[in-house]
């Protein structure tokens, strides 16, 4: 079963960090202008808010790892550098390395909800469902309305074949976001796994309405 949770779009992920000194620039020398000259037109300003976010490449994440490692060599207790390097490892699917960095960050900053959440995702992608569930449960104690954490914990429970318990997490996800297609899809699969075809069909049909890609699961787990 493929995992559909949105690993890298969540708002919990730590943003990119800039390390090192900013490049210094020298102010340009003003050129005298004749009194009769017309004033120069002001340059058009572009609102950064309307620009699309830059999509980082694997090379960008590898560069972050190099830069963060240099920072950590000088300052091993730099939590921001650990978090940035961990995120880069997570993006590059180096889950063991991501877990190691998030664990180091949590030793320095116990209870950091972002580190717990992302370490939970790394455990989940690394097929360590029990540890993933522990971290995600800790997140939900600190952030009880986190729909992504409920969803990811539901996936962890599914991996452990704990379908009945997973139903509750997906139901909570849906209560927080009625348009969360993956939660309907996975809840439908759980219903099918505990022999509740009517409920499975209902959820899987709703998942397809919200996301046509869920049609595969409908064909596989829907009514025969």
N, C-alpha and C. Protein backbone atom coordinates (compact mmCIF):
# COMPACT_ATOMS: atom_id res chain seq x y z
N UNK A 1 0.84 -1.19 0.00
CA UNK A 1 0.00 0.00 0.00
C UNK A 1 0.88 1.25 0.00
N UNK A 2 0.63 2.12 -0.88
CA UNK A 2 1.47 3.31 -0.93
C UNK A 2 1.04 4.30 0.14
N UNK A 3 1.96 5.12 0.59
CA UNK A 3 1.65 6.14 1.59
C UNK A 3 1.33 7.44 0.88
N UNK A 4 0.21 8.04 1.29
CA UNK A 4 -0.22 9.25 0.60
C UNK A 4 -0.07 10.50 1.42
N UNK A 5 0.36 10.39 2.69
CA UNK A 5 0.38 11.59 3.50
C UNK A 5 1.35 12.61 2.93
N UNK A 6 0.97 13.92 3.06
CA UNK A 6 1.77 14.97 2.40
C UNK A 6 3.02 15.32 3.19
N UNK A 7 4.05 14.55 3.06
CA UNK A 7 5.23 14.69 3.88
C UNK A 7 5.89 16.03 3.81
N UNK A 8 5.95 16.58 2.59
CA UNK A 8 6.85 17.70 2.41
C UNK A 8 6.11 19.00 2.16
N UNK A 9 4.77 18.98 2.34
CA UNK A 9 4.04 20.22 2.14
C UNK A 9 3.47 20.74 3.45
N UNK A 10 3.69 20.01 4.55
CA UNK A 10 3.10 20.40 5.79
C UNK A 10 3.68 21.69 6.33
N UNK A 11 2.81 22.45 7.01
CA UNK A 11 3.29 23.72 7.57
C UNK A 11 4.22 23.48 8.75
N UNK A 12 4.26 22.25 9.28
CA UNK A 12 5.15 21.97 10.41
C UNK A 12 6.61 21.96 10.02
N UNK A 13 6.91 21.77 8.75
CA UNK A 13 8.31 21.67 8.35
C UNK A 13 9.03 22.99 8.59
N UNK A 14 10.22 22.87 9.07
CA UNK A 14 11.03 24.06 9.33
C UNK A 14 11.47 24.68 8.01
N UNK A 15 11.39 26.00 7.93
CA UNK A 15 11.80 26.69 6.70
C UNK A 15 13.30 26.66 6.48
N UNK A 16 13.69 27.07 5.30
CA UNK A 16 15.12 27.09 4.99
C UNK A 16 15.83 28.12 5.85
N UNK A 17 17.04 27.78 6.25
CA UNK A 17 17.81 28.68 7.10
C UNK A 17 19.01 29.20 6.32
N UNK A 18 19.35 30.43 6.58
CA UNK A 18 20.54 31.02 5.95
C UNK A 18 21.67 31.02 6.97
N UNK A 19 22.80 30.42 6.59
CA UNK A 19 23.94 30.37 7.50
C UNK A 19 25.07 31.23 6.95
N UNK A 20 25.93 31.68 7.86
CA UNK A 20 27.09 32.45 7.44
C UNK A 20 26.75 33.92 7.31
N UNK A 21 27.78 34.69 7.16
CA UNK A 21 27.61 36.14 7.08
C UNK A 21 27.01 36.52 5.74
N UNK A 22 26.20 37.56 5.77
CA UNK A 22 25.63 38.09 4.53
C UNK A 22 26.75 38.76 3.72
N UNK A 23 26.64 38.66 2.40
CA UNK A 23 27.64 39.31 1.55
C UNK A 23 27.53 40.82 1.71
N UNK A 24 28.66 41.45 1.87
CA UNK A 24 28.66 42.89 2.06
C UNK A 24 28.70 43.58 0.71
N UNK A 25 27.90 44.63 0.58
CA UNK A 25 27.88 45.40 -0.66
C UNK A 25 28.24 46.83 -0.36
N UNK A 26 28.86 47.46 -1.34
CA UNK A 26 29.24 48.86 -1.19
C UNK A 26 28.20 49.74 -1.85
N UNK A 27 27.77 50.76 -1.15
CA UNK A 27 26.75 51.64 -1.70
C UNK A 27 27.31 52.38 -2.92
N UNK A 28 26.54 52.49 -4.00
CA UNK A 28 27.03 53.17 -5.20
C UNK A 28 27.20 54.66 -4.95
N UNK A 29 28.19 55.24 -5.61
CA UNK A 29 28.42 56.67 -5.48
C UNK A 29 27.44 57.41 -6.37
N UNK A 30 26.77 58.41 -5.79
CA UNK A 30 25.76 59.15 -6.55
C UNK A 30 26.43 59.99 -7.63
N UNK A 31 25.83 60.02 -8.82
CA UNK A 31 26.33 60.83 -9.92
C UNK A 31 25.55 62.13 -9.98
N UNK A 32 26.23 63.29 -10.01
CA UNK A 32 25.51 64.55 -10.06
C UNK A 32 24.61 64.60 -11.30
N UNK A 33 23.42 65.16 -11.12
CA UNK A 33 22.45 65.28 -12.21
C UNK A 33 22.18 66.75 -12.46
N UNK A 34 22.16 67.12 -13.75
CA UNK A 34 21.87 68.51 -14.10
C UNK A 34 20.49 68.88 -13.60
N UNK A 35 20.34 70.16 -13.22
CA UNK A 35 19.08 70.63 -12.66
C UNK A 35 17.93 70.43 -13.62
N UNK A 36 18.20 70.51 -14.94
CA UNK A 36 17.12 70.45 -15.91
C UNK A 36 16.72 69.01 -16.24
N UNK A 37 17.53 68.01 -15.75
CA UNK A 37 17.25 66.62 -16.11
C UNK A 37 16.00 66.14 -15.40
N UNK A 38 15.20 65.33 -16.10
CA UNK A 38 13.98 64.79 -15.51
C UNK A 38 14.36 63.70 -14.51
N UNK A 39 13.63 63.61 -13.40
CA UNK A 39 13.95 62.58 -12.41
C UNK A 39 13.74 61.19 -12.99
N UNK A 40 14.61 60.28 -12.61
CA UNK A 40 14.51 58.91 -13.12
C UNK A 40 13.26 58.24 -12.56
N UNK A 41 12.64 57.40 -13.38
CA UNK A 41 11.45 56.69 -12.93
C UNK A 41 11.83 55.66 -11.88
N UNK A 42 10.99 55.53 -10.85
CA UNK A 42 11.25 54.55 -9.79
C UNK A 42 11.10 53.14 -10.35
N UNK A 43 11.99 52.23 -9.96
CA UNK A 43 11.88 50.85 -10.46
C UNK A 43 10.59 50.19 -9.96
N UNK A 44 10.04 49.35 -10.80
CA UNK A 44 8.82 48.64 -10.42
C UNK A 44 9.14 47.61 -9.36
N UNK A 45 8.36 47.62 -8.28
CA UNK A 45 8.58 46.67 -7.20
C UNK A 45 7.68 45.45 -7.39
N UNK A 46 8.25 44.28 -7.14
CA UNK A 46 7.48 43.04 -7.24
C UNK A 46 7.18 42.55 -5.83
N UNK A 47 5.92 42.32 -5.55
CA UNK A 47 5.51 41.83 -4.24
C UNK A 47 5.94 40.37 -4.11
N UNK A 48 6.81 40.04 -3.15
CA UNK A 48 7.26 38.64 -3.02
C UNK A 48 6.11 37.68 -2.77
N UNK A 49 5.02 38.18 -2.21
CA UNK A 49 3.90 37.31 -1.87
C UNK A 49 3.24 36.70 -3.11
N UNK A 50 3.39 37.38 -4.26
CA UNK A 50 2.72 36.88 -5.46
C UNK A 50 3.63 35.94 -6.27
N UNK A 51 4.89 35.82 -5.85
CA UNK A 51 5.80 34.95 -6.56
C UNK A 51 5.61 33.50 -6.11
N UNK A 52 5.66 32.53 -7.02
CA UNK A 52 5.52 31.13 -6.61
C UNK A 52 6.74 30.71 -5.80
N UNK A 53 6.53 29.82 -4.80
CA UNK A 53 7.68 29.37 -4.02
C UNK A 53 8.66 28.58 -4.88
N UNK A 54 9.93 28.74 -4.57
CA UNK A 54 10.96 28.02 -5.32
C UNK A 54 10.93 26.54 -4.94
N UNK A 55 10.86 25.70 -5.93
CA UNK A 55 10.88 24.26 -5.68
C UNK A 55 12.32 23.80 -5.59
N UNK A 56 12.68 23.27 -4.42
CA UNK A 56 14.06 22.86 -4.21
C UNK A 56 14.34 21.53 -4.88
N UNK A 57 15.55 21.37 -5.33
CA UNK A 57 15.99 20.14 -5.98
C UNK A 57 16.82 19.31 -5.00
N UNK A 58 17.14 18.09 -5.41
CA UNK A 58 17.99 17.25 -4.56
C UNK A 58 19.35 17.90 -4.34
N UNK A 59 19.83 18.63 -5.35
CA UNK A 59 21.11 19.34 -5.19
C UNK A 59 21.02 20.41 -4.12
N UNK A 60 19.86 21.09 -4.06
CA UNK A 60 19.66 22.11 -3.01
C UNK A 60 19.72 21.47 -1.63
N UNK A 61 19.06 20.33 -1.48
CA UNK A 61 19.06 19.67 -0.17
C UNK A 61 20.44 19.15 0.19
N UNK A 62 21.16 18.65 -0.79
CA UNK A 62 22.53 18.19 -0.52
C UNK A 62 23.41 19.36 -0.08
N UNK A 63 23.19 20.51 -0.70
CA UNK A 63 23.95 21.71 -0.31
C UNK A 63 23.60 22.12 1.12
N UNK A 64 22.33 21.99 1.48
CA UNK A 64 21.93 22.31 2.86
C UNK A 64 22.64 21.40 3.86
N UNK A 65 22.77 20.13 3.49
CA UNK A 65 23.45 19.18 4.38
C UNK A 65 24.91 19.60 4.58
N UNK A 66 25.56 19.97 3.50
CA UNK A 66 26.97 20.40 3.59
C UNK A 66 27.09 21.64 4.47
N UNK A 67 26.23 22.62 4.22
CA UNK A 67 26.30 23.87 4.98
C UNK A 67 25.97 23.63 6.45
N UNK A 68 24.93 22.86 6.72
CA UNK A 68 24.54 22.58 8.11
C UNK A 68 25.63 21.82 8.84
N UNK A 69 26.28 20.90 8.16
CA UNK A 69 27.35 20.13 8.78
C UNK A 69 28.52 21.03 9.17
N UNK A 70 28.82 22.00 8.33
CA UNK A 70 29.89 22.96 8.67
C UNK A 70 29.52 23.75 9.92
N UNK A 71 28.26 24.18 10.00
CA UNK A 71 27.81 24.92 11.18
C UNK A 71 27.91 24.04 12.42
N UNK A 72 27.49 22.77 12.30
CA UNK A 72 27.50 21.87 13.45
C UNK A 72 28.91 21.48 13.87
N UNK A 73 29.84 21.52 12.95
CA UNK A 73 31.25 21.25 13.31
C UNK A 73 31.75 22.33 14.26
N UNK A 74 31.33 23.56 13.99
CA UNK A 74 31.74 24.68 14.85
C UNK A 74 30.87 24.78 16.09
N UNK A 75 29.60 24.39 15.96
CA UNK A 75 28.65 24.53 17.06
C UNK A 75 27.73 23.30 17.09
N UNK A 76 28.17 22.21 17.75
CA UNK A 76 27.40 20.96 17.74
C UNK A 76 26.01 21.07 18.36
N UNK A 77 25.75 22.13 19.11
CA UNK A 77 24.45 22.28 19.77
C UNK A 77 23.53 23.25 19.04
N UNK A 78 23.82 23.51 17.79
CA UNK A 78 22.99 24.42 17.01
C UNK A 78 21.73 23.67 16.54
N UNK A 79 20.61 23.92 17.23
CA UNK A 79 19.37 23.18 16.95
C UNK A 79 18.85 23.49 15.55
N UNK A 80 18.95 24.74 15.15
CA UNK A 80 18.43 25.10 13.82
C UNK A 80 19.18 24.36 12.71
N UNK A 81 20.49 24.23 12.88
CA UNK A 81 21.28 23.51 11.88
C UNK A 81 20.91 22.02 11.87
N UNK A 82 20.68 21.45 13.04
CA UNK A 82 20.25 20.05 13.11
C UNK A 82 18.91 19.85 12.42
N UNK A 83 17.98 20.79 12.67
CA UNK A 83 16.65 20.67 12.08
C UNK A 83 16.70 20.81 10.56
N UNK A 84 17.52 21.74 10.09
CA UNK A 84 17.65 21.93 8.64
C UNK A 84 18.26 20.70 7.98
N UNK A 85 19.31 20.16 8.59
CA UNK A 85 19.95 18.98 8.02
C UNK A 85 19.02 17.77 8.07
N UNK A 86 18.26 17.66 9.16
CA UNK A 86 17.31 16.56 9.27
C UNK A 86 16.25 16.64 8.19
N UNK A 87 15.74 17.86 7.96
CA UNK A 87 14.72 18.03 6.92
C UNK A 87 15.28 17.67 5.55
N UNK A 88 16.52 18.07 5.29
CA UNK A 88 17.14 17.75 4.00
C UNK A 88 17.29 16.23 3.84
N UNK A 89 17.71 15.56 4.92
CA UNK A 89 17.81 14.09 4.86
C UNK A 89 16.44 13.47 4.60
N UNK A 90 15.41 14.03 5.23
CA UNK A 90 14.06 13.50 5.05
C UNK A 90 13.62 13.64 3.60
N UNK A 91 13.90 14.80 3.01
CA UNK A 91 13.55 15.03 1.62
C UNK A 91 14.29 14.09 0.68
N UNK A 92 15.51 13.74 1.04
CA UNK A 92 16.34 12.87 0.21
C UNK A 92 16.12 11.38 0.53
N UNK A 93 15.15 11.11 1.42
CA UNK A 93 14.78 9.74 1.80
C UNK A 93 15.90 9.01 2.54
N UNK A 94 16.76 9.80 3.19
CA UNK A 94 17.80 9.21 4.05
C UNK A 94 17.21 9.19 5.47
N UNK A 95 16.31 8.25 5.70
CA UNK A 95 15.50 8.29 6.91
C UNK A 95 16.30 8.04 8.18
N UNK A 96 17.27 7.14 8.14
CA UNK A 96 18.08 6.90 9.33
C UNK A 96 18.82 8.16 9.76
N UNK A 97 19.38 8.87 8.78
CA UNK A 97 20.10 10.11 9.09
C UNK A 97 19.15 11.18 9.61
N UNK A 98 17.97 11.27 9.03
CA UNK A 98 16.98 12.24 9.50
C UNK A 98 16.59 11.95 10.95
N UNK A 99 16.35 10.69 11.25
CA UNK A 99 15.97 10.29 12.61
C UNK A 99 17.08 10.66 13.60
N UNK A 100 18.32 10.41 13.20
CA UNK A 100 19.46 10.72 14.07
C UNK A 100 19.53 12.22 14.39
N UNK A 101 19.34 13.06 13.37
CA UNK A 101 19.40 14.51 13.59
C UNK A 101 18.21 15.02 14.39
N UNK A 102 17.01 14.51 14.09
CA UNK A 102 15.86 14.95 14.88
C UNK A 102 15.99 14.51 16.33
N UNK A 103 16.54 13.33 16.56
CA UNK A 103 16.75 12.86 17.93
C UNK A 103 17.75 13.74 18.66
N UNK A 104 18.80 14.14 17.96
CA UNK A 104 19.79 15.05 18.58
C UNK A 104 19.16 16.40 18.90
N UNK A 105 18.31 16.89 18.00
CA UNK A 105 17.62 18.16 18.24
C UNK A 105 16.70 18.06 19.45
N UNK A 106 16.03 16.91 19.60
CA UNK A 106 15.10 16.74 20.72
C UNK A 106 15.84 16.61 22.06
N UNK A 107 17.07 16.13 22.03
CA UNK A 107 17.86 16.11 23.26
C UNK A 107 18.18 17.52 23.72
N UNK A 108 18.43 18.39 22.75
CA UNK A 108 18.75 19.79 23.06
C UNK A 108 17.50 20.62 23.33
N UNK A 109 16.40 20.22 22.71
CA UNK A 109 15.15 20.97 22.85
C UNK A 109 14.00 19.98 23.02
N UNK A 110 13.88 19.39 24.20
CA UNK A 110 12.86 18.36 24.43
C UNK A 110 11.44 18.89 24.17
N UNK A 111 10.63 18.05 23.56
CA UNK A 111 9.25 18.43 23.32
C UNK A 111 9.03 19.33 22.13
N UNK A 112 10.06 19.55 21.32
CA UNK A 112 9.88 20.38 20.12
C UNK A 112 8.91 19.65 19.18
N UNK A 113 7.75 20.27 18.97
CA UNK A 113 6.67 19.57 18.26
C UNK A 113 7.02 19.31 16.80
N UNK A 114 7.74 20.23 16.16
CA UNK A 114 8.11 20.02 14.75
C UNK A 114 9.09 18.86 14.61
N UNK A 115 10.06 18.79 15.53
CA UNK A 115 11.02 17.68 15.49
C UNK A 115 10.32 16.35 15.75
N UNK A 116 9.38 16.33 16.69
CA UNK A 116 8.63 15.10 16.97
C UNK A 116 7.81 14.67 15.76
N UNK A 117 7.14 15.65 15.13
CA UNK A 117 6.29 15.33 13.98
C UNK A 117 7.12 14.76 12.83
N UNK A 118 8.18 15.44 12.50
CA UNK A 118 8.98 15.01 11.36
C UNK A 118 9.76 13.73 11.65
N UNK A 119 10.19 13.54 12.90
CA UNK A 119 10.83 12.26 13.23
C UNK A 119 9.80 11.13 13.12
N UNK A 120 8.55 11.44 13.53
CA UNK A 120 7.50 10.44 13.38
C UNK A 120 7.29 10.05 11.93
N UNK A 121 7.32 11.04 11.03
CA UNK A 121 7.20 10.74 9.60
C UNK A 121 8.38 9.91 9.10
N UNK A 122 9.57 10.25 9.59
CA UNK A 122 10.76 9.49 9.18
C UNK A 122 10.66 8.04 9.65
N UNK A 123 10.20 7.84 10.89
CA UNK A 123 10.00 6.48 11.38
C UNK A 123 8.96 5.76 10.52
N UNK A 124 7.91 6.46 10.16
CA UNK A 124 6.84 5.86 9.37
C UNK A 124 7.35 5.43 8.00
N UNK A 125 8.11 6.30 7.35
CA UNK A 125 8.66 5.97 6.04
C UNK A 125 9.74 4.89 6.14
N UNK A 126 10.29 4.74 7.34
CA UNK A 126 11.33 3.73 7.57
C UNK A 126 10.73 2.42 8.07
N UNK A 127 9.38 2.33 8.01
CA UNK A 127 8.65 1.13 8.42
C UNK A 127 8.84 0.77 9.89
N UNK A 128 9.01 1.79 10.73
CA UNK A 128 9.05 1.56 12.18
C UNK A 128 7.77 2.19 12.76
N UNK A 129 6.68 1.47 12.57
CA UNK A 129 5.36 2.03 12.85
C UNK A 129 5.15 2.34 14.33
N UNK A 130 5.67 1.50 15.21
CA UNK A 130 5.46 1.71 16.64
C UNK A 130 6.10 3.01 17.11
N UNK A 131 7.35 3.24 16.72
CA UNK A 131 8.02 4.48 17.11
C UNK A 131 7.36 5.69 16.45
N UNK A 132 6.89 5.51 15.21
CA UNK A 132 6.16 6.59 14.54
C UNK A 132 4.92 6.95 15.33
N UNK A 133 4.18 5.95 15.77
CA UNK A 133 2.95 6.20 16.52
C UNK A 133 3.25 6.90 17.84
N UNK A 134 4.34 6.52 18.50
CA UNK A 134 4.71 7.18 19.76
C UNK A 134 4.97 8.67 19.55
N UNK A 135 5.76 8.99 18.51
CA UNK A 135 6.07 10.40 18.25
C UNK A 135 4.82 11.19 17.86
N UNK A 136 3.99 10.59 17.02
CA UNK A 136 2.79 11.30 16.56
C UNK A 136 1.78 11.48 17.69
N UNK A 137 1.73 10.53 18.61
CA UNK A 137 0.87 10.69 19.79
C UNK A 137 1.37 11.83 20.66
N UNK A 138 2.69 11.96 20.77
CA UNK A 138 3.26 13.08 21.53
C UNK A 138 2.91 14.41 20.87
N UNK A 139 2.96 14.44 19.54
CA UNK A 139 2.57 15.65 18.81
C UNK A 139 1.13 16.02 19.14
N UNK A 140 0.25 15.04 19.16
CA UNK A 140 -1.18 15.32 19.36
C UNK A 140 -1.48 15.74 20.79
N UNK A 141 -0.64 15.35 21.73
CA UNK A 141 -0.81 15.87 23.09
C UNK A 141 -0.46 17.35 23.15
N UNK A 142 0.51 17.75 22.34
CA UNK A 142 0.94 19.15 22.31
C UNK A 142 0.13 19.98 21.32
N UNK A 143 -0.36 19.34 20.27
CA UNK A 143 -1.07 20.05 19.20
C UNK A 143 -2.31 19.21 18.84
N UNK A 144 -3.36 19.28 19.70
CA UNK A 144 -4.48 18.34 19.59
C UNK A 144 -5.35 18.48 18.35
N UNK A 145 -5.18 19.53 17.58
CA UNK A 145 -5.98 19.71 16.37
C UNK A 145 -5.13 19.60 15.10
N UNK A 146 -4.07 18.83 15.16
CA UNK A 146 -3.18 18.67 14.01
C UNK A 146 -3.71 17.55 13.12
N UNK A 147 -4.38 17.92 12.04
CA UNK A 147 -4.99 16.90 11.16
C UNK A 147 -3.95 16.01 10.51
N UNK A 148 -2.78 16.58 10.19
CA UNK A 148 -1.73 15.79 9.55
C UNK A 148 -1.20 14.72 10.50
N UNK A 149 -1.07 15.07 11.77
CA UNK A 149 -0.57 14.10 12.76
C UNK A 149 -1.60 12.99 12.97
N UNK A 150 -2.89 13.34 13.01
CA UNK A 150 -3.92 12.31 13.12
C UNK A 150 -3.86 11.37 11.92
N UNK A 151 -3.73 11.95 10.73
CA UNK A 151 -3.70 11.13 9.53
C UNK A 151 -2.49 10.20 9.53
N UNK A 152 -1.31 10.75 9.81
CA UNK A 152 -0.09 9.95 9.80
C UNK A 152 -0.14 8.86 10.86
N UNK A 153 -0.72 9.17 12.04
CA UNK A 153 -0.83 8.14 13.07
C UNK A 153 -1.78 7.03 12.62
N UNK A 154 -2.84 7.43 11.90
CA UNK A 154 -3.74 6.42 11.35
C UNK A 154 -3.03 5.49 10.39
N UNK A 155 -2.14 6.05 9.56
CA UNK A 155 -1.36 5.22 8.63
C UNK A 155 -0.45 4.27 9.41
N UNK A 156 0.17 4.77 10.49
CA UNK A 156 1.03 3.91 11.31
C UNK A 156 0.23 2.74 11.89
N UNK A 157 -0.98 3.03 12.33
CA UNK A 157 -1.82 1.96 12.88
C UNK A 157 -2.21 0.95 11.79
N UNK A 158 -2.47 1.45 10.59
CA UNK A 158 -2.76 0.54 9.47
C UNK A 158 -1.58 -0.38 9.20
N UNK A 159 -0.37 0.17 9.26
CA UNK A 159 0.82 -0.65 9.02
C UNK A 159 0.94 -1.75 10.06
N UNK A 160 0.37 -1.52 11.24
CA UNK A 160 0.39 -2.52 12.30
C UNK A 160 -0.86 -3.38 12.28
N UNK A 161 -1.68 -3.21 11.22
CA UNK A 161 -2.94 -3.96 11.06
C UNK A 161 -3.94 -3.65 12.17
N UNK A 162 -3.81 -2.48 12.78
CA UNK A 162 -4.74 -2.06 13.83
C UNK A 162 -5.81 -1.18 13.18
N UNK A 163 -6.63 -1.81 12.33
CA UNK A 163 -7.55 -1.07 11.48
C UNK A 163 -8.65 -0.35 12.27
N UNK A 164 -9.16 -1.00 13.31
CA UNK A 164 -10.26 -0.38 14.07
C UNK A 164 -9.79 0.91 14.75
N UNK A 165 -8.59 0.88 15.31
CA UNK A 165 -8.07 2.09 15.96
C UNK A 165 -7.75 3.17 14.93
N UNK A 166 -7.27 2.75 13.76
CA UNK A 166 -6.95 3.71 12.70
C UNK A 166 -8.21 4.46 12.25
N UNK A 167 -9.36 3.79 12.28
CA UNK A 167 -10.61 4.44 11.88
C UNK A 167 -10.84 5.73 12.66
N UNK A 168 -10.53 5.70 13.95
CA UNK A 168 -10.75 6.89 14.78
C UNK A 168 -9.86 8.05 14.37
N UNK A 169 -8.62 7.75 14.02
CA UNK A 169 -7.70 8.82 13.60
C UNK A 169 -8.14 9.43 12.27
N UNK A 170 -8.58 8.59 11.35
CA UNK A 170 -9.03 9.14 10.06
C UNK A 170 -10.34 9.92 10.23
N UNK A 171 -11.19 9.45 11.13
CA UNK A 171 -12.43 10.19 11.40
C UNK A 171 -12.11 11.56 11.99
N UNK A 172 -11.12 11.61 12.87
CA UNK A 172 -10.73 12.90 13.45
C UNK A 172 -10.14 13.81 12.38
N UNK A 173 -9.34 13.25 11.48
CA UNK A 173 -8.79 14.04 10.37
C UNK A 173 -9.92 14.66 9.55
N UNK A 174 -10.92 13.86 9.25
CA UNK A 174 -12.05 14.34 8.44
C UNK A 174 -12.86 15.39 9.19
N UNK A 175 -12.98 15.23 10.51
CA UNK A 175 -13.72 16.23 11.30
C UNK A 175 -13.00 17.58 11.28
N UNK A 176 -11.67 17.54 11.14
CA UNK A 176 -10.88 18.77 11.08
C UNK A 176 -10.80 19.33 9.67
N UNK A 177 -10.97 18.47 8.66
CA UNK A 177 -10.90 18.89 7.26
C UNK A 177 -11.78 17.96 6.43
N UNK A 178 -13.00 18.40 6.15
CA UNK A 178 -13.97 17.55 5.46
C UNK A 178 -13.57 17.27 4.01
N UNK A 179 -12.57 17.95 3.48
CA UNK A 179 -12.13 17.74 2.11
C UNK A 179 -10.82 16.97 2.04
N UNK A 180 -10.43 16.28 3.10
CA UNK A 180 -9.17 15.54 3.16
C UNK A 180 -9.37 14.19 2.46
N UNK A 181 -9.09 14.15 1.17
CA UNK A 181 -9.39 12.98 0.35
C UNK A 181 -8.68 11.72 0.84
N UNK A 182 -7.40 11.84 1.21
CA UNK A 182 -6.64 10.66 1.61
C UNK A 182 -7.22 10.02 2.86
N UNK A 183 -7.79 10.83 3.76
CA UNK A 183 -8.38 10.28 4.98
C UNK A 183 -9.60 9.42 4.64
N UNK A 184 -10.43 9.88 3.70
CA UNK A 184 -11.57 9.07 3.26
C UNK A 184 -11.07 7.77 2.61
N UNK A 185 -10.06 7.89 1.76
CA UNK A 185 -9.54 6.71 1.07
C UNK A 185 -9.00 5.67 2.06
N UNK A 186 -8.20 6.12 3.01
CA UNK A 186 -7.60 5.19 3.94
C UNK A 186 -8.63 4.64 4.93
N UNK A 187 -9.59 5.48 5.31
CA UNK A 187 -10.64 4.96 6.18
C UNK A 187 -11.46 3.89 5.44
N UNK A 188 -11.70 4.15 4.14
CA UNK A 188 -12.41 3.16 3.34
C UNK A 188 -11.67 1.83 3.29
N UNK A 189 -10.34 1.89 3.14
CA UNK A 189 -9.53 0.67 3.11
C UNK A 189 -9.61 -0.05 4.46
N UNK A 190 -9.61 0.74 5.55
CA UNK A 190 -9.75 0.13 6.88
C UNK A 190 -11.09 -0.59 7.01
N UNK A 191 -12.15 0.07 6.56
CA UNK A 191 -13.47 -0.57 6.62
C UNK A 191 -13.49 -1.87 5.82
N UNK A 192 -12.90 -1.82 4.64
CA UNK A 192 -12.85 -3.03 3.81
C UNK A 192 -12.06 -4.13 4.52
N UNK A 193 -11.02 -3.75 5.26
CA UNK A 193 -10.17 -4.72 5.94
C UNK A 193 -10.85 -5.37 7.13
N UNK A 194 -11.89 -4.73 7.68
CA UNK A 194 -12.62 -5.34 8.80
C UNK A 194 -14.01 -5.78 8.35
N UNK A 195 -14.16 -5.99 7.03
CA UNK A 195 -15.38 -6.55 6.46
C UNK A 195 -16.61 -5.67 6.69
N UNK A 196 -16.45 -4.38 6.38
CA UNK A 196 -17.59 -3.47 6.40
C UNK A 196 -17.69 -2.83 5.02
N UNK A 197 -18.20 -3.58 4.04
CA UNK A 197 -18.17 -3.13 2.65
C UNK A 197 -19.00 -1.89 2.38
N UNK A 198 -20.13 -1.75 3.06
CA UNK A 198 -20.98 -0.58 2.81
C UNK A 198 -20.27 0.71 3.20
N UNK A 199 -19.65 0.70 4.37
CA UNK A 199 -18.92 1.88 4.83
C UNK A 199 -17.68 2.13 3.95
N UNK A 200 -17.04 1.04 3.54
CA UNK A 200 -15.87 1.17 2.67
C UNK A 200 -16.25 1.82 1.35
N UNK A 201 -17.34 1.35 0.76
CA UNK A 201 -17.79 1.90 -0.51
C UNK A 201 -18.11 3.39 -0.40
N UNK A 202 -18.80 3.75 0.67
CA UNK A 202 -19.17 5.16 0.88
C UNK A 202 -17.93 6.05 0.95
N UNK A 203 -16.94 5.64 1.76
CA UNK A 203 -15.75 6.47 1.92
C UNK A 203 -14.92 6.52 0.64
N UNK A 204 -14.79 5.39 -0.02
CA UNK A 204 -13.97 5.36 -1.23
C UNK A 204 -14.61 6.17 -2.36
N UNK A 205 -15.93 6.17 -2.45
CA UNK A 205 -16.60 7.00 -3.45
C UNK A 205 -16.39 8.48 -3.14
N UNK A 206 -16.45 8.83 -1.86
CA UNK A 206 -16.19 10.23 -1.48
C UNK A 206 -14.76 10.61 -1.78
N UNK A 207 -13.82 9.69 -1.55
CA UNK A 207 -12.41 9.96 -1.85
C UNK A 207 -12.23 10.25 -3.33
N UNK A 208 -12.91 9.49 -4.19
CA UNK A 208 -12.79 9.70 -5.64
C UNK A 208 -13.36 11.06 -6.05
N UNK A 209 -14.44 11.47 -5.39
CA UNK A 209 -15.01 12.79 -5.69
C UNK A 209 -14.00 13.90 -5.41
N UNK A 210 -13.23 13.71 -4.34
CA UNK A 210 -12.26 14.73 -3.94
C UNK A 210 -10.93 14.58 -4.66
N UNK A 211 -10.60 13.35 -5.05
CA UNK A 211 -9.33 13.09 -5.72
C UNK A 211 -9.50 11.89 -6.65
N UNK A 212 -9.59 12.12 -7.95
CA UNK A 212 -9.81 11.01 -8.90
C UNK A 212 -8.76 9.90 -8.81
N UNK A 213 -7.57 10.22 -8.29
CA UNK A 213 -6.54 9.19 -8.17
C UNK A 213 -6.94 8.07 -7.22
N UNK A 214 -7.93 8.32 -6.37
CA UNK A 214 -8.38 7.30 -5.43
C UNK A 214 -9.19 6.20 -6.10
N UNK A 215 -9.46 6.34 -7.40
CA UNK A 215 -10.24 5.33 -8.13
C UNK A 215 -9.59 3.95 -8.06
N UNK A 216 -8.26 3.91 -7.99
CA UNK A 216 -7.55 2.62 -7.87
C UNK A 216 -7.98 1.87 -6.62
N UNK A 217 -8.04 2.61 -5.50
CA UNK A 217 -8.44 1.98 -4.25
C UNK A 217 -9.91 1.57 -4.29
N UNK A 218 -10.74 2.38 -4.95
CA UNK A 218 -12.15 2.03 -5.09
C UNK A 218 -12.31 0.72 -5.84
N UNK A 219 -11.55 0.56 -6.92
CA UNK A 219 -11.63 -0.68 -7.69
C UNK A 219 -11.13 -1.88 -6.88
N UNK A 220 -10.12 -1.65 -6.08
CA UNK A 220 -9.51 -2.76 -5.33
C UNK A 220 -10.28 -3.13 -4.08
N UNK A 221 -10.78 -2.10 -3.36
CA UNK A 221 -11.38 -2.35 -2.05
C UNK A 221 -12.89 -2.12 -2.01
N UNK A 222 -13.48 -1.59 -3.10
CA UNK A 222 -14.90 -1.34 -3.12
C UNK A 222 -15.69 -2.63 -3.28
N UNK A 223 -16.99 -2.47 -3.39
CA UNK A 223 -17.87 -3.65 -3.55
C UNK A 223 -17.50 -4.43 -4.79
N UNK A 224 -17.46 -5.72 -4.67
CA UNK A 224 -17.14 -6.59 -5.81
C UNK A 224 -18.39 -6.92 -6.60
